[in-house]
PDB file of N, CA and C in Angstrom:
ATOM      1  N   MET A   1      57.668 124.004 241.458  1.00  0.00           N
ATOM      2  CA  MET A   1      58.011 125.247 240.608  1.00  0.00           C
ATOM      3  C   MET A   1      56.875 126.401 240.673  1.00  0.00           C
ATOM      4  N   PRO A   2      57.139 127.277 240.969  1.00  0.00           N
ATOM      5  CA  PRO A   2      56.236 128.840 241.306  1.00  0.00           C
ATOM      6  C   PRO A   2      55.112 128.711 240.596  1.00  0.00           C
ATOM      7  N   ASP A   3      54.025 129.184 241.046  1.00  0.00           N
ATOM      8  CA  ASP A   3      52.594 129.442 240.809  1.00  0.00           C
ATOM      9  C   ASP A   3      53.128 130.612 239.682  1.00  0.00           C
ATOM     10  N   LEU A   4      52.665 130.492 238.637  1.00  0.00           N
ATOM     11  CA  LEU A   4      52.672 131.351 237.179  1.00  0.00           C
ATOM     12  C   LEU A   4      51.342 131.670 236.472  1.00  0.00           C
ATOM     13  N   SER A   5      50.054 131.393 237.482  1.00  0.00           N
ATOM     14  CA  SER A   5      48.650 131.806 237.091  1.00  0.00           C
ATOM     15  C   SER A   5      48.661 133.488 237.386  1.00  0.00           C
ATOM     16  N   VAL A   6      48.012 133.916 236.625  1.00  0.00           N
ATOM     17  CA  VAL A   6      47.667 135.039 236.250  1.00  0.00           C
ATOM     18  C   VAL A   6      46.074 135.275 235.431  1.00  0.00           C
ATOM     19  N   ASP A   7      45.550 136.246 236.331  1.00  0.00           N
ATOM     20  CA  ASP A   7      44.486 135.916 235.568  1.00  0.00           C
ATOM     21  C   ASP A   7      44.484 137.119 234.163  1.00  0.00           C
ATOM     22  N   SER A   8      43.162 136.792 233.109  1.00  0.00           N
ATOM     23  CA  SER A   8      43.665 137.669 232.148  1.00  0.00           C
ATOM     24  C   SER A   8      43.084 139.454 232.027  1.00  0.00           C
ATOM     25  N   ASP A   9      42.830 139.691 233.044  1.00  0.00           N
ATOM     26  CA  ASP A   9      42.744 140.815 233.401  1.00  0.00           C
ATOM     27  C   ASP A   9      43.844 141.725 234.009  1.00  0.00           C
ATOM     28  N   THR A  10      44.663 141.096 234.281  1.00  0.00           N
ATOM     29  CA  THR A  10      46.223 141.524 234.600  1.00  0.00           C
ATOM     30  C   THR A  10      46.771 141.297 233.564  1.00  0.00           C
ATOM     31  N   LEU A  11      46.849 140.480 232.818  1.00  0.00           N
ATOM     32  CA  LEU A  11      47.507 139.956 231.110  1.00  0.00           C
ATOM     33  C   LEU A  11      47.393 141.369 230.827  1.00  0.00           C
ATOM     34  N   ARG A  12      45.907 141.329 230.070  1.00  0.00           N
ATOM     35  CA  ARG A  12      45.381 142.398 229.591  1.00  0.00           C
ATOM     36  C   ARG A  12      45.656 144.164 229.901  1.00  0.00           C
ATOM     37  N   GLN A  13      45.985 143.961 231.054  1.00  0.00           N
ATOM     38  CA  GLN A  13      46.160 145.511 231.800  1.00  0.00           C
ATOM     39  C   GLN A  13      47.595 146.141 231.322  1.00  0.00           C
ATOM     40  N   GLY A  14      48.769 145.064 230.910  1.00  0.00           N
ATOM     41  CA  GLY A  14      50.234 145.759 230.600  1.00  0.00           C
ATOM     42  C   GLY A  14      50.557 145.264 232.198  1.00  0.00           C
ATOM     43  N   ALA A  15      50.139 144.781 233.368  1.00  0.00           N
ATOM     44  CA  ALA A  15      50.984 144.320 233.871  1.00  0.00           C
ATOM     45  C   ALA A  15      52.407 143.231 234.127  1.00  0.00           C
ATOM     46  N   LEU A  16      52.857 143.014 232.548  1.00  0.00           N
ATOM     47  CA  LEU A  16      53.812 142.426 232.272  1.00  0.00           C
ATOM     48  C   LEU A  16      55.163 143.251 232.079  1.00  0.00           C
ATOM     49  N   HIS A  17      56.023 143.125 231.386  1.00  0.00           N
ATOM     50  CA  HIS A  17      57.140 143.312 230.857  1.00  0.00           C
ATOM     51  C   HIS A  17      57.689 142.139 229.684  1.00  0.00           C
ATOM     52  N   VAL A  18      57.779 142.809 228.850  1.00  0.00           N
ATOM     53  CA  VAL A  18      58.943 142.075 227.558  1.00  0.00           C
ATOM     54  C   VAL A  18      59.999 142.271 227.933  1.00  0.00           C
ATOM     55  N   SER A  19      60.592 141.319 227.760  1.00  0.00           N
ATOM     56  CA  SER A  19      62.073 141.081 227.638  1.00  0.00           C
ATOM     57  C   SER A  19      62.444 141.162 226.365  1.00  0.00           C
ATOM     58  N   PRO A  20      63.287 141.525 225.826  1.00  0.00           N
ATOM     59  CA  PRO A  20      64.146 140.849 224.745  1.00  0.00           C
ATOM     60  C   PRO A  20      64.888 139.773 224.598  1.00  0.00           C
ATOM     61  N   VAL A  21      64.495 138.611 223.462  1.00  0.00           N
ATOM     62  CA  VAL A  21      65.378 137.721 223.836  1.00  0.00           C
ATOM     63  C   VAL A  21      66.784 137.711 223.459  1.00  0.00           C
ATOM     64  N   SER A  22      67.392 137.303 225.030  1.00  0.00           N
ATOM     65  CA  SER A  22      68.926 138.026 224.591  1.00  0.00           C
ATOM     66  C   SER A  22      69.681 136.286 224.591  1.00  0.00           C
ATOM     67  N   ALA A  23      68.674 135.310 225.316  1.00  0.00           N
ATOM     68  CA  ALA A  23      69.029 133.687 225.626  1.00  0.00           C
ATOM     69  C   ALA A  23      68.291 132.855 225.419  1.00  0.00           C
ATOM     70  N   PRO A  24      68.760 131.776 225.414  1.00  0.00           N
ATOM     71  CA  PRO A  24      67.502 130.885 224.651  1.00  0.00           C
ATOM     72  C   PRO A  24      66.278 130.591 225.793  1.00  0.00           C
ATOM     73  N   PHE A  25      64.956 130.381 225.563  1.00  0.00           N
ATOM     74  CA  PHE A  25      64.235 130.439 226.497  1.00  0.00           C
ATOM     75  C   PHE A  25      64.017 128.930 227.193  1.00  0.00           C
ATOM     76  N   ASN A  26      63.537 129.058 228.340  1.00  0.00           N
ATOM     77  CA  ASN A  26      63.714 128.375 229.251  1.00  0.00           C
ATOM     78  C   ASN A  26      62.315 127.664 229.216  1.00  0.00           C
ATOM     79  N   GLU A  27      61.765 126.381 229.662  1.00  0.00           N
ATOM     80  CA  GLU A  27      61.000 125.810 229.538  1.00  0.00           C
ATOM     81  C   GLU A  27      59.867 126.151 231.402  1.00  0.00           C
ATOM     82  N   TYR A  28      58.911 126.232 231.075  1.00  0.00           N
ATOM     83  CA  TYR A  28      57.703 126.667 232.353  1.00  0.00           C
ATOM     84  C   TYR A  28      58.178 128.654 232.461  1.00  0.00           C
ATOM     85  N   GLU A  29      58.566 129.315 231.718  1.00  0.00           N
ATOM     86  CA  GLU A  29      58.426 130.580 231.291  1.00  0.00           C
ATOM     87  C   GLU A  29      57.414 131.156 231.442  1.00  0.00           C
ATOM     88  N   LEU A  30      57.157 132.335 231.341  1.00  0.00           N
ATOM     89  CA  LEU A  30      56.106 133.344 230.756  1.00  0.00           C
ATOM     90  C   LEU A  30      56.745 133.660 229.661  1.00  0.00           C
ATOM     91  N   VAL A  31      55.514 133.293 228.330  1.00  0.00           N
ATOM     92  CA  VAL A  31      55.573 134.123 226.862  1.00  0.00           C
ATOM     93  C   VAL A  31      54.619 134.598 226.999  1.00  0.00           C
ATOM     94  N   ARG A  32      54.954 135.549 225.747  1.00  0.00           N
ATOM     95  CA  ARG A  32      54.071 136.474 224.992  1.00  0.00           C
ATOM     96  C   ARG A  32      53.753 135.982 223.388  1.00  0.00           C
ATOM     97  N   VAL A  33      52.653 136.246 223.132  1.00  0.00           N
ATOM     98  CA  VAL A  33      52.605 135.784 221.402  1.00  0.00           C
ATOM     99  C   VAL A  33      52.759 137.275 220.876  1.00  0.00           C
ATOM    100  N   ARG A  34      54.056 136.895 220.463  1.00  0.00           N
ATOM    101  CA  ARG A  34      54.429 138.393 219.798  1.00  0.00           C
ATOM    102  C   ARG A  34      53.587 139.158 218.221  1.00  0.00           C
ATOM    103  N   GLN A  35      53.582 137.730 217.470  1.00  0.00           N
ATOM    104  CA  GLN A  35      53.427 138.172 216.326  1.00  0.00           C
ATOM    105  C   GLN A  35      52.853 136.673 215.833  1.00  0.00           C
ATOM    106  N   LEU A  36      51.790 136.575 214.577  1.00  0.00           N
ATOM    107  CA  LEU A  36      51.522 135.156 213.910  1.00  0.00           C
ATOM    108  C   LEU A  36      52.469 135.116 212.402  1.00  0.00           C
ATOM    109  N   ILE A  37      52.829 134.004 212.818  1.00  0.00           N
ATOM    110  CA  ILE A  37      53.375 133.368 210.961  1.00  0.00           C
ATOM    111  C   ILE A  37      53.172 132.476 210.357  1.00  0.00           C
ATOM    112  N   GLN A  38      52.440 131.970 211.208  1.00  0.00           N
ATOM    113  CA  GLN A  38      51.819 130.472 210.915  1.00  0.00           C
ATOM    114  C   GLN A  38      50.261 130.861 210.607  1.00  0.00           C
ATOM    115  N   SER A  39      49.236 130.139 209.881  1.00  0.00           N
ATOM    116  CA  SER A  39      48.157 129.945 209.905  1.00  0.00           C
ATOM    117  C   SER A  39      47.163 129.509 211.628  1.00  0.00           C
ATOM    118  N   ALA A  40      45.913 129.884 211.514  1.00  0.00           N
ATOM    119  CA  ALA A  40      45.399 129.082 212.517  1.00  0.00           C
ATOM    120  C   ALA A  40      44.985 127.489 212.471  1.00  0.00           C
ATOM    121  N   ASP A  41      45.117 126.879 211.289  1.00  0.00           N
ATOM    122  CA  ASP A  41      45.237 125.537 211.112  1.00  0.00           C
ATOM    123  C   ASP A  41      46.211 124.761 211.465  1.00  0.00           C
ATOM    124  N   ASP A  42      47.573 125.849 211.265  1.00  0.00           N
ATOM    125  CA  ASP A  42      48.874 125.355 211.253  1.00  0.00           C
ATOM    126  C   ASP A  42      48.976 125.333 213.311  1.00  0.00           C
ATOM    127  N   LEU A  43      48.396 126.600 214.006  1.00  0.00           N
ATOM    128  CA  LEU A  43      48.571 126.392 214.920  1.00  0.00           C
ATOM    129  C   LEU A  43      47.566 125.372 216.267  1.00  0.00           C
ATOM    130  N   ASP A  44      46.381 124.612 215.484  1.00  0.00           N
ATOM    131  CA  ASP A  44      45.726 124.035 216.378  1.00  0.00           C
ATOM    132  C   ASP A  44      45.405 122.352 215.447  1.00  0.00           C
ATOM    133  N   GLY A  45      46.528 121.952 215.010  1.00  0.00           N
ATOM    134  CA  GLY A  45      46.477 120.643 213.995  1.00  0.00           C
ATOM    135  C   GLY A  45      45.169 119.639 214.484  1.00  0.00           C
ATOM    136  N   GLY A  46      44.855 119.404 216.102  1.00  0.00           N
ATOM    137  CA  GLY A  46      44.365 118.602 216.908  1.00  0.00           C
ATOM    138  C   GLY A  46      42.955 119.161 217.158  1.00  0.00           C
ATOM    139  N   ARG A  47      42.759 120.366 216.437  1.00  0.00           N
ATOM    140  CA  ARG A  47      41.172 121.166 216.598  1.00  0.00           C
ATOM    141  C   ARG A  47      40.544 121.069 218.006  1.00  0.00           C
ATOM    142  N   LEU A  48      41.455 121.068 219.132  1.00  0.00           N
ATOM    143  CA  LEU A  48      40.892 120.789 220.401  1.00  0.00           C
ATOM    144  C   LEU A  48      41.199 122.748 221.351  1.00  0.00           C
ATOM    145  N   ASN A  49      41.769 123.278 220.613  1.00  0.00           N
ATOM    146  CA  ASN A  49      41.689 124.484 221.263  1.00  0.00           C
ATOM    147  C   ASN A  49      40.018 125.301 221.279  1.00  0.00           C
ATOM    148  N   GLN A  50      40.141 125.733 222.501  1.00  0.00           N
ATOM    149  CA  GLN A  50      38.607 127.040 222.522  1.00  0.00           C
ATOM    150  C   GLN A  50      38.759 128.304 221.742  1.00  0.00           C
ATOM    151  N   ARG A  51      39.964 128.358 221.214  1.00  0.00           N
ATOM    152  CA  ARG A  51      39.606 129.602 220.468  1.00  0.00           C
ATOM    153  C   ARG A  51      41.640 129.319 220.089  1.00  0.00           C
ATOM    154  N   ALA A  52      41.609 130.055 218.870  1.00  0.00           N
ATOM    155  CA  ALA A  52      43.000 130.330 218.291  1.00  0.00           C
ATOM    156  C   ALA A  52      44.012 131.516 219.263  1.00  0.00           C
ATOM    157  N   PRO A  53      45.346 131.184 219.457  1.00  0.00           N
ATOM    158  CA  PRO A  53      46.109 132.574 219.714  1.00  0.00           C
ATOM    159  C   PRO A  53      45.899 133.690 218.857  1.00  0.00           C
ATOM    160  N   VAL A  54      46.220 134.682 219.897  1.00  0.00           N
ATOM    161  CA  VAL A  54      45.987 135.821 219.071  1.00  0.00           C
ATOM    162  C   VAL A  54      47.319 136.582 219.895  1.00  0.00           C
ATOM    163  N   PRO A  55      48.380 138.009 219.179  1.00  0.00           N
ATOM    164  CA  PRO A  55      49.032 138.370 219.097  1.00  0.00           C
ATOM    165  C   PRO A  55      49.120 139.414 220.589  1.00  0.00           C
ATOM    166  N   GLY A  56      49.525 139.101 221.657  1.00  0.00           N
ATOM    167  CA  GLY A  56      48.956 139.570 223.319  1.00  0.00           C
ATOM    168  C   GLY A  56      48.794 138.756 223.941  1.00  0.00           C
ATOM    169  N   ASP A  57      48.354 137.454 223.539  1.00  0.00           N
ATOM    170  CA  ASP A  57      48.307 136.481 224.675  1.00  0.00           C
ATOM    171  C   ASP A  57      49.335 135.897 225.479  1.00  0.00           C
ATOM    172  N   VAL A  58      49.025 135.701 226.759  1.00  0.00           N
ATOM    173  CA  VAL A  58      50.329 134.987 227.537  1.00  0.00           C
ATOM    174  C   VAL A  58      50.292 133.688 228.075  1.00  0.00           C
ATOM    175  N   GLY A  59      50.896 132.602 228.036  1.00  0.00           N
ATOM    176  CA  GLY A  59      51.234 131.322 228.157  1.00  0.00           C
ATOM    177  C   GLY A  59      52.464 131.375 228.984  1.00  0.00           C
ATOM    178  N   THR A  60      52.421 129.639 229.448  1.00  0.00           N
ATOM    179  CA  THR A  60      53.397 129.516 230.033  1.00  0.00           C
ATOM    180  C   THR A  60      54.201 128.294 229.003  1.00  0.00           C
ATOM    181  N   LEU A  61      55.297 127.988 228.971  1.00  0.00           N
ATOM    182  CA  LEU A  61      56.127 127.542 227.899  1.00  0.00           C
ATOM    183  C   LEU A  61      56.593 126.381 228.513  1.00  0.00           C
ATOM    184  N   LEU A  62      56.256 125.123 227.559  1.00  0.00           N
ATOM    185  CA  LEU A  62      56.087 124.091 228.462  1.00  0.00           C
ATOM    186  C   LEU A  62      56.915 123.317 227.700  1.00  0.00           C
ATOM    187  N   ASP A  63      57.444 122.899 226.311  1.00  0.00           N
ATOM    188  CA  ASP A  63      58.346 122.273 225.689  1.00  0.00           C
ATOM    189  C   ASP A  63      59.491 122.961 224.757  1.00  0.00           C
ATOM    190  N   ILE A  64      60.092 122.389 224.219  1.00  0.00           N
ATOM    191  CA  ILE A  64      61.275 122.867 223.160  1.00  0.00           C
ATOM    192  C   ILE A  64      61.283 121.690 222.344  1.00  0.00           C
ATOM    193  N   LEU A  65      60.762 121.916 220.992  1.00  0.00           N
ATOM    194  CA  LEU A  65      60.864 120.873 220.324  1.00  0.00           C
ATOM    195  C   LEU A  65      62.017 121.282 219.389  1.00  0.00           C
ATOM    196  N   THR A  66      63.283 120.286 219.292  1.00  0.00           N
ATOM    197  CA  THR A  66      64.095 120.413 218.137  1.00  0.00           C
ATOM    198  C   THR A  66      64.227 119.608 217.776  1.00  0.00           C
ATOM    199  N   ALA A  67      64.932 119.453 216.416  1.00  0.00           N
ATOM    200  CA  ALA A  67      65.336 118.453 215.326  1.00  0.00           C
ATOM    201  C   ALA A  67      66.616 119.071 214.466  1.00  0.00           C
ATOM    202  N   PRO A  68      67.231 118.150 214.013  1.00  0.00           N
ATOM    203  CA  PRO A  68      68.729 118.671 213.780  1.00  0.00           C
ATOM    204  C   PRO A  68      67.938 119.271 212.003  1.00  0.00           C
ATOM    205  N   GLY A  69      68.814 120.369 211.845  1.00  0.00           N
ATOM    206  CA  GLY A  69      68.536 121.219 210.546  1.00  0.00           C
ATOM    207  C   GLY A  69      67.280 122.123 210.540  1.00  0.00           C
ATOM    208  N   ARG A  70      66.437 121.419 211.624  1.00  0.00           N
ATOM    209  CA  ARG A  70      64.928 122.680 210.976  1.00  0.00           C
ATOM    210  C   ARG A  70      64.932 123.516 212.727  1.00  0.00           C
ATOM    211  N   PRO A  71      64.029 124.682 212.706  1.00  0.00           N
ATOM    212  CA  PRO A  71      64.198 125.441 213.523  1.00  0.00           C
ATOM    213  C   PRO A  71      63.724 124.658 214.951  1.00  0.00           C
ATOM    214  N   ASN A  72      64.146 125.642 215.667  1.00  0.00           N
ATOM    215  CA  ASN A  72      63.376 125.235 216.968  1.00  0.00           C
ATOM    216  C   ASN A  72      62.004 125.760 216.986  1.00  0.00           C
ATOM    217  N   LYS A  73      61.161 124.665 217.658  1.00  0.00           N
ATOM    218  CA  LYS A  73      59.172 125.383 218.154  1.00  0.00           C
ATOM    219  C   LYS A  73      59.719 125.242 219.634  1.00  0.00           C
ATOM    220  N   TYR A  74      58.005 126.141 220.062  1.00  0.00           N
ATOM    221  CA  TYR A  74      58.042 126.239 221.384  1.00  0.00           C
ATOM    222  C   TYR A  74      56.504 126.048 221.740  1.00  0.00           C
ATOM    223  N   VAL A  75      56.502 124.665 222.331  1.00  0.00           N
ATOM    224  CA  VAL A  75      55.250 124.534 222.681  1.00  0.00           C
ATOM    225  C   VAL A  75      54.602 125.504 223.911  1.00  0.00           C
ATOM    226  N   VAL A  76      53.875 125.584 223.575  1.00  0.00           N
ATOM    227  CA  VAL A  76      53.156 126.823 224.811  1.00  0.00           C
ATOM    228  C   VAL A  76      51.592 126.742 224.839  1.00  0.00           C
ATOM    229  N   GLU A  77      51.222 126.879 226.109  1.00  0.00           N
ATOM    230  CA  GLU A  77      49.775 126.788 226.825  1.00  0.00           C
ATOM    231  C   GLU A  77      49.157 128.138 227.304  1.00  0.00           C
ATOM    232  N   CYS A  78      48.189 128.161 226.670  1.00  0.00           N
ATOM    233  CA  CYS A  78      47.588 129.630 227.263  1.00  0.00           C
ATOM    234  C   CYS A  78      46.262 128.554 228.042  1.00  0.00           C
ATOM    235  N   SER A  79      46.297 129.155 229.336  1.00  0.00           N
ATOM    236  CA  SER A  79      45.359 128.446 230.463  1.00  0.00           C
ATOM    237  C   SER A  79      44.115 129.977 230.698  1.00  0.00           C
ATOM    238  N   ASP A  80      43.312 129.566 231.345  1.00  0.00           N
ATOM    239  CA  ASP A  80      41.979 130.582 231.711  1.00  0.00           C
ATOM    240  C   ASP A  80      42.605 130.582 233.708  1.00  0.00           C
ATOM    241  N   LYS A  81      42.034 131.345 234.970  1.00  0.00           N
ATOM    242  CA  LYS A  81      42.615 131.582 236.124  1.00  0.00           C
ATOM    243  C   LYS A  81      42.183 130.583 236.676  1.00  0.00           C
ATOM    244  N   ASP A  82      41.195 129.884 236.017  1.00  0.00           N
ATOM    245  CA  ASP A  82      41.270 128.166 236.940  1.00  0.00           C
ATOM    246  C   ASP A  82      41.929 126.942 236.379  1.00  0.00           C
ATOM    247  N   GLY A  83      43.205 127.063 235.496  1.00  0.00           N
ATOM    248  CA  GLY A  83      43.780 126.228 235.283  1.00  0.00           C
ATOM    249  C   GLY A  83      43.479 125.703 233.925  1.00  0.00           C
ATOM    250  N   ILE A  84      42.220 125.506 232.875  1.00  0.00           N
ATOM    251  CA  ILE A  84      41.633 125.442 232.088  1.00  0.00           C
ATOM    252  C   ILE A  84      42.335 125.901 230.335  1.00  0.00           C
ATOM    253  N   SER A  85      42.935 124.966 229.673  1.00  0.00           N
ATOM    254  CA  SER A  85      43.332 125.588 228.850  1.00  0.00           C
ATOM    255  C   SER A  85      42.534 125.813 227.913  1.00  0.00           C
ATOM    256  N   ILE A  86      43.472 127.398 227.179  1.00  0.00           N
ATOM    257  CA  ILE A  86      42.136 127.990 226.254  1.00  0.00           C
ATOM    258  C   ILE A  86      43.288 127.459 224.799  1.00  0.00           C
ATOM    259  N   TRP A  87      44.061 127.578 225.089  1.00  0.00           N
ATOM    260  CA  TRP A  87      44.654 126.976 224.107  1.00  0.00           C
ATOM    261  C   TRP A  87      46.203 126.237 224.035  1.00  0.00           C
ATOM    262  N   LEU A  88      46.791 125.404 222.996  1.00  0.00           N
ATOM    263  CA  LEU A  88      48.065 124.909 223.011  1.00  0.00           C
ATOM    264  C   LEU A  88      48.470 124.714 221.753  1.00  0.00           C
ATOM    265  N   ALA A  89      49.921 125.024 221.852  1.00  0.00           N
ATOM    266  CA  ALA A  89      50.023 125.713 220.283  1.00  0.00           C
ATOM    267  C   ALA A  89      51.785 125.641 220.455  1.00  0.00           C
ATOM    268  N   ASP A  90      52.082 125.130 218.885  1.00  0.00           N
ATOM    269  CA  ASP A  90      53.725 125.228 218.868  1.00  0.00           C
ATOM    270  C   ASP A  90      54.191 126.598 217.903  1.00  0.00           C
ATOM    271  N   PHE A  91      54.978 127.306 218.427  1.00  0.00           N
ATOM    272  CA  PHE A  91      55.261 128.620 217.906  1.00  0.00           C
ATOM    273  C   PHE A  91      56.683 128.513 217.293  1.00  0.00           C
ATOM    274  N   PHE A  92      57.490 129.336 216.876  1.00  0.00           N
ATOM    275  CA  PHE A  92      58.528 129.716 216.150  1.00  0.00           C
ATOM    276  C   PHE A  92      59.003 131.041 217.253  1.00  0.00           C
ATOM    277  N   GLU A  93      60.782 131.290 217.365  1.00  0.00           N
ATOM    278  CA  GLU A  93      61.045 131.809 218.212  1.00  0.00           C
ATOM    279  C   GLU A  93      60.852 133.790 217.890  1.00  0.00           C
ATOM    280  N   GLU A  94      60.384 133.546 216.285  1.00  0.00           N
ATOM    281  CA  GLU A  94      59.939 134.461 216.158  1.00  0.00           C
ATOM    282  C   GLU A  94      58.389 135.376 216.593  1.00  0.00           C
ATOM    283  N   GLU A  95      57.607 134.052 217.127  1.00  0.00           N
ATOM    284  CA  GLU A  95      56.607 134.632 217.228  1.00  0.00           C
ATOM    285  C   GLU A  95      56.186 135.342 218.661  1.00  0.00           C
ATOM    286  N   ILE A  96      57.098 134.211 219.679  1.00  0.00           N
ATOM    287  CA  ILE A  96      56.562 134.895 221.015  1.00  0.00           C
ATOM    288  C   ILE A  96      58.168 135.733 221.533  1.00  0.00           C
ATOM    289  N   GLU A  97      58.099 136.041 222.835  1.00  0.00           N
ATOM    290  CA  GLU A  97      59.115 136.986 223.177  1.00  0.00           C
ATOM    291  C   GLU A  97      58.465 136.831 224.981  1.00  0.00           C
ATOM    292  N   ARG A  98      59.617 136.718 225.756  1.00  0.00           N
ATOM    293  CA  ARG A  98      59.625 136.586 227.010  1.00  0.00           C
ATOM    294  C   ARG A  98      59.075 137.431 227.920  1.00  0.00           C
ATOM    295  N   VAL A  99      58.325 137.473 229.095  1.00  0.00           N
ATOM    296  CA  VAL A  99      57.713 138.508 229.948  1.00  0.00           C
ATOM    297  C   VAL A  99      58.259 138.309 231.005  1.00  0.00           C
ATOM    298  N   GLN A 100      58.064 139.232 232.369  1.00  0.00           N
ATOM    299  CA  GLN A 100      57.868 139.205 233.670  1.00  0.00           C
ATOM    300  C   GLN A 100      56.937 139.507 234.397  1.00  0.00           C
ATOM    301  N   LEU A 101      56.522 139.534 235.076  1.00  0.00           N
ATOM    302  CA  LEU A 101      55.383 139.834 236.508  1.00  0.00           C
ATOM    303  C   LEU A 101      56.038 141.652 237.018  1.00  0.00           C
ATOM    304  N   GLY A 102      55.557 142.086 236.891  1.00  0.00           N
ATOM    305  CA  GLY A 102      55.917 143.051 237.740  1.00  0.00           C
ATOM    306  C   GLY A 102      55.498 144.580 237.309  1.00  0.00           C
TER     307      GLY A 102
END
């Protein structure tokens, strides 16, 4: 698996390019929080996050949750430069977008 670690300064300085979703998301790709349509409580049910996700945060898509008759949810983890988890949350497709380094 490629090294996807990116320091938060690089992420905040716009070194990422957002791509419109034209195909399904893939596990282990970088995504950016586009908007939040869920409450902070819904995003941190286990009360384990250091802080809540905010639009602009970038994380790695870890899993795609599917269930018949329900919209997919996407498990995303945002980590600091040392690999320590800042937050882990499940998002709807409308809340995230694909990003590319460059």
